[in-house]
Structures are given as structure tokens and as C-alpha cells.
Amino acid sequence: MFQYACGKNLAKKHNTELVLDTSFLLDHARYTYEPIRFYDLDIFDLNVKVINGREIDKYFYSPKSWFLSKFWNRTSVLSLRNRLLSISKRSYWVVRQTNDHFNEDIFPDKTNLYLDGFWQSPKFFQEIEKEIRKDFTIKNQLIEPSEILTQIKETNSVCINVRRGDFVDNPVISQHHGSYGLDYLKKAEKIIADKIDNPHFFITSDDVEWCKENIRLDHPQTIIDHSYAGKKFSNYLHLMISCKHFIIPNSSFAWWAAWLSPNPDKIVIAPKMWLKNSEMNDLIPSDWIRI
């Protein structure tokens, strides 16, 4: 979602086409330490071209560049591609994000750009914020009505998202991301309870069983299990966005739920350290509370 938002902003600035390359997601051989991921932006009604594999050639290579074309389709290592491209006529500019900070000057004044990075900051698309919010409206046919949604709308609802999975179980990823447990949740609960009346906490997670066994709050709580997930967790995301306030971990899924919430008075609590070695200050809006 961050990559799409950043790319769309640049495409609008340069009056050019936005194209999403999904070959990186399809290269399952590269998933050594992290879970296999798929293209899921089709839960939104986006007007964007999605390509992969051989389709990339017509955007970046001359038809005569047969060797480069074959190499592109067999590897996802962008730096190696670029070394080969340096000996041919290059028809595009690779922009690689090298740190976690916002830097508008990283983009050259060119129309044919290939972005390589996470681009995790709303500053990369702040000029078209309203448009991004509209783009990330979940398709109506994917949203299933439920008693949980009614309860969320009728209470002073607070979404708590608990991110575990590979952030806890995978030693390589855990060393980079870290995770937040019960101490963080209890501190955040107290802050929320001091600011709003009668909060009701709705808990979502990639590890529902852990939440059921461990989370005991001092206020009403409802754990939303994965029977409410919907296609590609679209319903889960819709339920989270519908909450009035948020306690999020270092999760981009939870970040987007909080950011997309239309409540103008929402309280959002987020971790001070997003990664173990980085606060990622450009990621968190200034009106969110960090603990």
C-alpha cells in the first residue's frame, strides 16, 4: 500500500502511467526467512496496471536485449540487473531507498522510474492524501455485515492489533523488527481509558489463540477471530478501520487501518521504536501518541 501510494503520487506529478511489478512477489525462492506474500491490492478498486515476468521487457528493454530479458525473468536481484544494464542503453532510472527516512530529493526529475523500496511514510504521498484514502476503499462486495461491526459502531470502540507471527517466531526477522506484548498493551489501555469514556477494545491479530490465552484488560474486550477475515482479510481490515480509536504495534497493516479511519477525533497509540534500531519518525503522524 505504501509502494502504491508513493508510486501514484509520482505518476501524477509527472503525468505518466503507474505500473506495479509483482514479479518480486512471485519469486517464491527468495522467501528464505519471511512468509510468502501475494498481491492483495485487488481488494480495492484501483485503476492501475499490474505486470510481471515477460511483460516488464517492453517497459525497460530494447527488443534486441535478449540476454538481459532472460536474466530479468530469472532473478529478482535488482542490483545485478543494473550492473548488466550499465553496459547497454538504459531506458529507465532505478530509485532505491537506502534508509527509513523521507527524502523527496531522492527522485530524479525523470518520467521513467523504477522504485525499489518500502516508502513507508505518508510524506511520500501527502499531496494526494484524499485520493489515496478514496483508492483504498474496500470493494463493497467484499464487505460482509456482522454483529461485530454493529457493536464497533455503537460503542466507544478501540482497535487493538497484535502482531506476532514471524515477528516473534522467526529469529532473523525478530532481531530486526522486534515485537510488542502485554506491557505495551496495558500502558496503552491506561492512556486510552484516561482520555475517553467507556472504551470497548476490539482485538485483532495474526495469532488469535495467543490473544485469547493472554490478554486480560480492565475494560470490555472482544477478540475478533479469523472467521470474520473475509477475502484476503478485507473484512478484517474494514472492521479495524471502522473503530474510533487505535492501539497499534509495529505493523503496516495496523498502521493503514488507523490512518484510513475517518474519525477526526481518533486517538492512535503507536510504538516509539518501530524497528529495533529505528524510530522511523517519518512514518508516524505528529498527532499520534508514541510510547
Protein backbone atom coordinates (compact mmCIF):
# COMPACT_ATOMS: atom_id res chain seq x y z
CA MET A 1 0.00 0.00 0.00
CA PHE A 2 2.87 2.38 0.75
CA GLN A 3 4.53 1.46 -2.54
CA TYR A 4 1.32 2.06 -4.48
CA ALA A 5 0.69 5.41 -2.76
CA CYS A 6 4.22 6.67 -3.39
CA GLY A 7 4.17 5.48 -6.99
CA LYS A 8 0.81 7.07 -7.70
CA ASN A 9 1.95 10.39 -6.32
CA LEU A 10 5.00 10.39 -8.59
CA ALA A 11 2.96 9.27 -11.61
CA LYS A 12 0.56 12.17 -11.10
CA LYS A 13 3.42 14.65 -10.70
CA HIS A 14 4.99 13.53 -13.98
CA ASN A 15 1.72 12.86 -15.81
CA THR A 16 2.77 9.32 -16.59
CA GLU A 17 1.45 5.78 -16.11
CA LEU A 18 1.70 3.86 -12.83
CA VAL A 19 2.62 0.19 -13.31
CA LEU A 20 3.00 -2.33 -10.48
CA ASP A 21 5.61 -5.07 -10.93
CA THR A 22 4.58 -8.21 -9.00
CA SER A 23 7.45 -10.44 -10.17
CA PHE A 24 9.15 -9.91 -6.79
CA LEU A 25 6.13 -11.45 -5.04
CA LEU A 26 6.01 -14.36 -7.48
CA ASP A 27 9.66 -15.25 -6.89
CA HIS A 28 8.95 -17.62 -4.00
CA ALA A 29 12.55 -18.88 -3.97
CA ARG A 30 13.62 -15.63 -2.29
CA TYR A 31 11.42 -16.20 0.78
CA THR A 32 14.15 -17.69 2.94
CA TYR A 33 13.31 -16.03 6.24
CA GLU A 34 9.90 -14.44 5.78
CA PRO A 35 6.41 -15.74 4.89
CA ILE A 36 5.41 -15.95 1.24
CA ARG A 37 3.38 -12.92 0.29
CA PHE A 38 0.97 -12.26 -2.56
CA TYR A 39 -0.55 -9.32 -4.40
CA ASP A 40 -3.61 -8.31 -2.37
CA LEU A 41 -4.37 -4.78 -3.56
CA ASP A 42 -7.19 -6.18 -5.67
CA ILE A 43 -9.46 -5.88 -2.63
CA PHE A 44 -9.52 -2.20 -3.60
CA ASP A 45 -10.99 -0.81 -6.81
CA LEU A 46 -7.72 0.57 -8.19
CA ASN A 47 -7.22 1.82 -11.72
CA VAL A 48 -3.68 0.51 -12.10
CA LYS A 49 -1.81 -1.83 -14.44
CA VAL A 50 -0.23 -4.90 -12.83
CA ILE A 51 2.54 -6.72 -14.71
CA ASN A 52 5.12 -9.42 -14.11
CA GLY A 53 7.64 -11.58 -15.95
CA ARG A 54 7.96 -11.00 -19.69
CA GLU A 55 5.64 -8.00 -19.65
CA ILE A 56 8.38 -6.00 -17.95
CA ASP A 57 10.60 -6.22 -21.01
CA LYS A 58 8.57 -3.82 -23.14
CA TYR A 59 8.84 -1.16 -20.43
CA PHE A 60 12.55 -1.36 -19.76
CA TYR A 61 14.41 -3.13 -22.58
CA SER A 62 15.05 -2.94 -26.27
CA PRO A 63 13.75 -6.00 -28.18
CA LYS A 64 17.39 -6.69 -29.08
CA SER A 65 18.36 -7.07 -25.40
CA TRP A 66 17.63 -10.80 -25.41
CA PHE A 67 20.18 -11.74 -22.76
CA LEU A 68 19.05 -9.01 -20.41
CA SER A 69 15.44 -10.03 -20.90
CA LYS A 70 16.19 -13.64 -19.97
CA PHE A 71 18.23 -12.55 -16.98
CA TRP A 72 15.43 -10.26 -15.72
CA ASN A 73 12.95 -13.13 -15.69
CA ARG A 74 15.24 -15.44 -13.74
CA THR A 75 16.33 -13.24 -10.86
CA SER A 76 14.91 -10.64 -8.51
CA VAL A 77 18.26 -9.13 -7.53
CA LEU A 78 17.88 -5.58 -8.78
CA SER A 79 21.50 -4.56 -8.19
CA LEU A 80 22.72 -7.32 -10.53
CA ARG A 81 20.23 -6.26 -13.17
CA ASN A 82 21.54 -2.75 -13.02
CA ARG A 83 25.17 -3.81 -13.41
CA LEU A 84 24.23 -5.59 -16.62
CA LEU A 85 22.14 -2.65 -17.76
CA SER A 86 25.08 -0.32 -17.31
CA ILE A 87 26.66 -1.84 -20.43
CA SER A 88 23.53 -1.31 -22.52
CA LYS A 89 21.38 1.68 -23.35
CA ARG A 90 19.43 2.24 -20.14
CA SER A 91 15.84 3.32 -20.67
CA TYR A 92 14.80 3.87 -17.06
CA TRP A 93 16.10 5.12 -13.72
CA VAL A 94 16.18 2.89 -10.66
CA VAL A 95 15.46 4.75 -7.41
CA ARG A 96 16.48 2.61 -4.45
CA GLN A 97 15.50 3.59 -0.91
CA THR A 98 18.59 3.27 1.28
CA ASN A 99 17.17 4.29 4.69
CA ASP A 100 13.92 4.70 6.60
CA HIS A 101 13.67 8.48 6.25
CA PHE A 102 11.58 10.61 3.93
CA ASN A 103 13.66 12.29 1.26
CA GLU A 104 11.86 13.95 -1.64
CA ASP A 105 15.18 14.73 -3.32
CA ILE A 106 15.82 11.03 -3.91
CA PHE A 107 13.59 11.11 -7.01
CA PRO A 108 15.24 12.45 -10.19
CA ASP A 109 13.21 14.66 -12.49
CA LYS A 110 12.53 11.79 -14.87
CA THR A 111 9.32 10.17 -16.09
CA ASN A 112 10.56 6.57 -16.41
CA LEU A 113 11.35 5.50 -12.85
CA TYR A 114 11.58 2.07 -11.24
CA LEU A 115 11.10 2.32 -7.47
CA ASP A 116 12.84 -0.19 -5.20
CA GLY A 117 11.91 0.30 -1.55
CA PHE A 118 9.18 0.27 1.07
CA TRP A 119 8.48 4.07 1.04
CA GLN A 120 6.86 3.83 4.47
CA SER A 121 5.96 7.42 5.17
CA PRO A 122 2.78 9.39 4.46
CA LYS A 123 5.06 12.22 3.38
CA PHE A 124 5.68 10.34 0.14
CA PHE A 125 2.04 10.87 -0.85
CA GLN A 126 0.81 13.76 1.31
CA GLU A 127 -0.09 15.85 -1.76
CA ILE A 128 -2.74 13.32 -2.80
CA GLU A 129 -3.90 12.14 0.62
CA LYS A 130 -7.62 12.43 -0.19
CA GLU A 131 -7.17 10.44 -3.38
CA ILE A 132 -5.25 7.68 -1.60
CA ARG A 133 -7.98 7.39 1.02
CA LYS A 134 -10.54 7.02 -1.78
CA ASP A 135 -8.38 4.47 -3.63
CA PHE A 136 -8.10 2.33 -0.50
CA THR A 137 -11.84 1.94 -0.10
CA ILE A 138 -12.60 -1.77 0.08
CA LYS A 139 -14.89 -3.08 -2.65
CA ASN A 140 -18.47 -3.25 -1.35
CA GLN A 141 -18.99 -6.84 -2.44
CA LEU A 142 -16.11 -7.94 -0.19
CA ILE A 143 -17.56 -6.42 2.98
CA GLU A 144 -19.78 -8.73 4.99
CA PRO A 145 -22.21 -7.20 7.53
CA SER A 146 -21.83 -8.59 11.04
CA GLU A 147 -22.90 -8.09 14.63
CA ILE A 148 -19.29 -7.17 15.42
CA LEU A 149 -19.47 -4.21 13.03
CA THR A 150 -22.68 -3.01 14.66
CA GLN A 151 -21.05 -3.25 18.08
CA ILE A 152 -18.00 -1.34 16.86
CA LYS A 153 -20.18 1.49 15.56
CA GLU A 154 -22.35 1.69 18.68
CA THR A 155 -19.56 1.72 21.31
CA ASN A 156 -16.52 3.83 22.06
CA SER A 157 -14.55 1.25 20.10
CA VAL A 158 -10.78 0.91 20.29
CA CYS A 159 -9.00 -1.36 17.83
CA ILE A 160 -6.08 -3.26 19.32
CA ASN A 161 -3.92 -5.05 16.80
CA VAL A 162 -1.43 -7.65 18.00
CA ARG A 163 1.34 -8.52 15.53
CA ARG A 164 3.12 -11.75 16.32
CA GLY A 165 3.83 -14.49 13.77
CA ASP A 166 7.30 -14.16 12.24
CA PHE A 167 8.00 -11.07 14.40
CA VAL A 168 8.09 -13.48 17.36
CA ASP A 169 8.84 -16.94 15.93
CA ASN A 170 11.48 -16.13 13.30
CA PRO A 171 14.83 -15.22 14.96
CA VAL A 172 16.13 -13.35 11.88
CA ILE A 173 13.03 -11.18 11.46
CA SER A 174 12.54 -10.78 15.21
CA GLN A 175 16.05 -9.37 15.52
CA HIS A 176 15.17 -6.65 13.01
CA HIS A 177 11.55 -5.84 13.83
CA GLY A 178 11.03 -6.81 17.47
CA SER A 179 7.52 -7.21 18.89
CA TYR A 180 5.22 -5.68 21.50
CA GLY A 181 3.39 -7.68 24.14
CA LEU A 182 1.26 -7.28 27.25
CA ASP A 183 3.25 -4.47 28.92
CA TYR A 184 2.79 -2.27 25.87
CA LEU A 185 -0.93 -3.06 25.68
CA LYS A 186 -1.54 -2.29 29.36
CA LYS A 187 0.22 1.08 29.12
CA ALA A 188 -1.75 1.95 26.00
CA GLU A 189 -5.02 0.83 27.61
CA LYS A 190 -4.47 3.21 30.54
CA ILE A 191 -3.75 6.15 28.21
CA ILE A 192 -6.91 5.47 26.21
CA ALA A 193 -9.04 4.99 29.34
CA ASP A 194 -7.84 8.34 30.70
CA LYS A 195 -8.94 10.09 27.51
CA ILE A 196 -12.30 8.54 26.58
CA ASP A 197 -15.33 7.22 28.46
CA ASN A 198 -16.33 3.58 28.49
CA PRO A 199 -13.84 2.21 25.95
CA HIS A 200 -14.55 -1.16 24.40
CA PHE A 201 -11.46 -2.87 23.00
CA PHE A 202 -11.73 -4.95 19.82
CA ILE A 203 -8.68 -7.17 19.41
CA THR A 204 -7.40 -8.33 16.01
CA SER A 205 -4.29 -10.40 15.46
CA ASP A 206 -2.41 -12.88 13.31
CA ASP A 207 -2.27 -15.03 16.47
CA VAL A 208 -5.82 -15.09 17.86
CA GLU A 209 -5.16 -18.04 20.17
CA TRP A 210 -2.35 -16.19 21.95
CA CYS A 211 -4.68 -13.24 22.47
CA LYS A 212 -7.41 -15.46 23.92
CA GLU A 213 -4.97 -17.05 26.35
CA ASN A 214 -3.07 -13.95 27.45
CA ILE A 215 -4.93 -10.64 27.08
CA ARG A 216 -6.97 -9.59 30.11
CA LEU A 217 -7.86 -5.91 30.02
CA ASP A 218 -9.59 -3.83 32.70
CA HIS A 219 -12.32 -2.84 30.27
CA PRO A 220 -14.71 -4.72 27.95
CA GLN A 221 -12.84 -6.60 25.26
CA THR A 222 -13.87 -8.58 22.20
CA ILE A 223 -11.43 -10.76 20.29
CA ILE A 224 -12.27 -10.87 16.59
CA ASP A 225 -11.25 -14.26 15.26
CA HIS A 226 -10.44 -15.11 11.66
CA SER A 227 -13.94 -16.29 10.86
CA TYR A 228 -14.54 -12.57 10.24
CA ALA A 229 -11.50 -12.18 7.99
CA GLY A 230 -13.22 -12.25 4.59
CA LYS A 231 -11.40 -12.50 1.26
CA LYS A 232 -7.72 -11.65 1.73
CA PHE A 233 -8.60 -10.24 5.18
CA SER A 234 -10.58 -7.45 3.56
CA ASN A 235 -13.38 -7.72 6.13
CA TYR A 236 -10.84 -7.74 8.95
CA LEU A 237 -9.36 -4.51 7.62
CA HIS A 238 -12.83 -2.98 7.26
CA LEU A 239 -13.68 -3.82 10.89
CA MET A 240 -10.42 -2.28 12.08
CA ILE A 241 -10.90 0.92 10.06
CA SER A 242 -14.43 1.22 11.48
CA CYS A 243 -13.12 1.54 15.05
CA LYS A 244 -12.99 5.00 16.59
CA HIS A 245 -9.55 4.75 18.25
CA PHE A 246 -6.45 2.58 17.85
CA ILE A 247 -3.61 0.85 19.66
CA ILE A 248 -1.24 -0.46 17.02
CA PRO A 249 2.03 -2.40 17.10
CA ASN A 250 4.86 -2.04 14.58
CA SER A 251 2.65 -3.37 11.80
CA SER A 252 1.96 -1.67 8.46
CA PHE A 253 -1.42 -3.44 8.26
CA ALA A 254 -2.46 -1.83 11.55
CA TRP A 255 -0.88 1.49 10.53
CA TRP A 256 -3.10 1.66 7.45
CA ALA A 257 -6.22 0.76 9.44
CA ALA A 258 -5.54 3.65 11.82
CA TRP A 259 -4.58 6.09 9.07
CA LEU A 260 -7.63 5.24 6.95
CA SER A 261 -10.04 5.72 9.86
CA PRO A 262 -12.31 8.67 9.02
CA ASN A 263 -12.83 9.62 12.69
CA PRO A 264 -11.47 13.19 13.00
CA ASP A 265 -11.08 12.80 16.78
CA LYS A 266 -9.35 9.43 16.76
CA ILE A 267 -6.65 8.64 19.29
CA VAL A 268 -3.87 6.48 17.90
CA ILE A 269 -1.17 4.96 20.09
CA ALA A 270 1.90 3.55 18.36
CA PRO A 271 5.31 2.26 19.48
CA LYS A 272 8.13 4.75 19.88
CA MET A 273 10.53 2.25 18.32
CA TRP A 274 9.03 0.89 15.10
CA LEU A 275 12.08 -1.26 14.41
CA LYS A 276 14.60 -2.41 16.97
CA ASN A 277 17.12 0.13 15.73
CA SER A 278 14.89 2.80 14.23
CA GLU A 279 12.06 5.01 15.44
CA MET A 280 11.05 5.70 11.81
CA ASN A 281 9.84 9.16 12.76
CA ASP A 282 8.67 9.98 9.23
CA LEU A 283 6.21 7.08 9.39
CA ILE A 284 4.16 8.20 12.39
CA PRO A 285 1.86 11.26 12.04
CA SER A 286 2.62 14.01 14.56
CA ASP A 287 -0.78 13.75 16.28
CA TRP A 288 -0.35 10.07 17.14
CA ILE A 289 0.87 9.14 20.63
CA ARG A 290 4.09 7.14 20.83
CA ILE A 291 5.04 5.07 23.87
